[in-house]
Amino acid sequence: MLGPVHRGGPACLGGQGNLIMIFQNVHAMTDCLDVCKFATFSESLDGFAAQFAAITGKPCTADDLFKAASAFTIWSVTTTT
């Protein structure tokens, strides 16, 4: 045995909780852009941001998309309960 495994709670943003938060936000972003979520395995967030900017004509970065997806995730969780 290598030692005890630390498992964070659902509010933990480190380790597994952080990874879950990232995937949740990325999938929210792909849903909003109407893109297959499996495209994220081959396309970077920078690529999605460049496509969004090309379509809308508004400058956009990967960080902008990630923040918008995070806000959407928080909004959808608070409005469905």
Protein backbone atom coordinates (compact mmCIF):
# COMPACT_ATOMS: atom_id res chain seq x y z
CA MET A 1 0.00 0.00 0.00
CA LEU A 2 1.36 3.40 -0.94
CA GLY A 3 -0.52 5.29 1.73
CA PRO A 4 -3.91 6.88 2.26
CA VAL A 5 -5.66 8.40 -0.72
CA HIS A 6 -6.85 11.97 -0.23
CA ARG A 7 -10.26 12.49 -1.72
CA GLY A 8 -11.59 16.03 -1.80
CA GLY A 9 -15.19 16.84 -1.10
CA PRO A 10 -17.59 18.14 -3.74
CA ALA A 11 -16.61 21.75 -2.95
CA CYS A 12 -12.89 20.99 -3.28
CA LEU A 13 -11.31 22.82 -6.24
CA GLY A 14 -8.04 20.92 -6.03
CA GLY A 15 -7.27 17.57 -7.60
CA GLN A 16 -10.35 15.78 -8.91
CA GLY A 17 -12.70 18.64 -8.10
CA ASN A 18 -10.65 21.03 -10.24
CA LEU A 19 -10.60 18.56 -13.14
CA ILE A 20 -14.36 18.09 -12.92
CA MET A 21 -14.88 21.87 -12.92
CA ILE A 22 -12.72 22.24 -16.04
CA PHE A 23 -14.54 19.49 -17.95
CA GLN A 24 -17.93 20.82 -16.85
CA ASN A 25 -17.09 24.30 -18.16
CA VAL A 26 -15.58 23.01 -21.40
CA HIS A 27 -18.65 20.86 -22.09
CA ALA A 28 -20.94 23.81 -21.32
CA MET A 29 -18.95 25.85 -23.82
CA THR A 30 -19.20 23.20 -26.54
CA ASP A 31 -22.94 22.85 -25.89
CA CYS A 32 -23.43 26.60 -26.27
CA LEU A 33 -21.40 26.62 -29.49
CA ASP A 34 -23.33 23.56 -30.73
CA VAL A 35 -20.08 21.64 -31.18
CA CYS A 36 -19.62 17.94 -30.50
CA LYS A 37 -18.02 17.55 -27.08
CA PHE A 38 -15.62 14.97 -28.49
CA ALA A 39 -14.10 17.69 -30.68
CA THR A 40 -12.37 18.99 -27.55
CA PHE A 41 -10.06 15.98 -27.71
CA SER A 42 -8.54 17.26 -30.96
CA GLU A 43 -9.25 21.02 -30.88
CA SER A 44 -7.82 23.44 -28.34
CA LEU A 45 -9.85 26.14 -26.60
CA ASP A 46 -7.76 28.65 -28.54
CA GLY A 47 -9.02 27.05 -31.74
CA PHE A 48 -12.64 27.33 -30.59
CA ALA A 49 -12.05 30.97 -29.63
CA ALA A 50 -10.58 31.71 -33.07
CA GLN A 51 -13.60 30.09 -34.75
CA PHE A 52 -16.00 32.03 -32.53
CA ALA A 53 -14.20 35.29 -33.35
CA ALA A 54 -14.26 34.51 -37.07
CA ILE A 55 -18.01 33.81 -37.03
CA THR A 56 -19.09 36.70 -34.81
CA GLY A 57 -16.48 39.27 -35.82
CA LYS A 58 -15.81 39.97 -32.13
CA PRO A 59 -12.41 39.31 -30.57
CA CYS A 60 -12.45 36.31 -28.26
CA THR A 61 -9.84 34.35 -26.31
CA ALA A 62 -9.93 30.88 -24.79
CA ASP A 63 -10.13 32.55 -21.37
CA ASP A 64 -13.20 34.53 -22.49
CA LEU A 65 -14.95 31.32 -23.60
CA PHE A 66 -14.00 29.53 -20.39
CA LYS A 67 -15.32 32.38 -18.20
CA ALA A 68 -18.56 32.52 -20.17
CA ALA A 69 -19.00 28.75 -19.85
CA SER A 70 -18.34 28.99 -16.12
CA ALA A 71 -20.99 31.70 -15.76
CA PHE A 72 -23.44 29.63 -17.84
CA THR A 73 -22.79 26.55 -15.68
CA ILE A 74 -23.44 28.51 -12.48
CA TRP A 75 -26.60 30.06 -13.99
CA SER A 76 -27.98 26.70 -15.17
CA VAL A 77 -27.36 25.06 -11.79
CA THR A 78 -29.04 27.86 -9.85
CA THR A 79 -32.09 28.09 -12.14
CA THR A 80 -32.86 24.36 -12.25
CA THR A 81 -33.25 23.85 -8.51
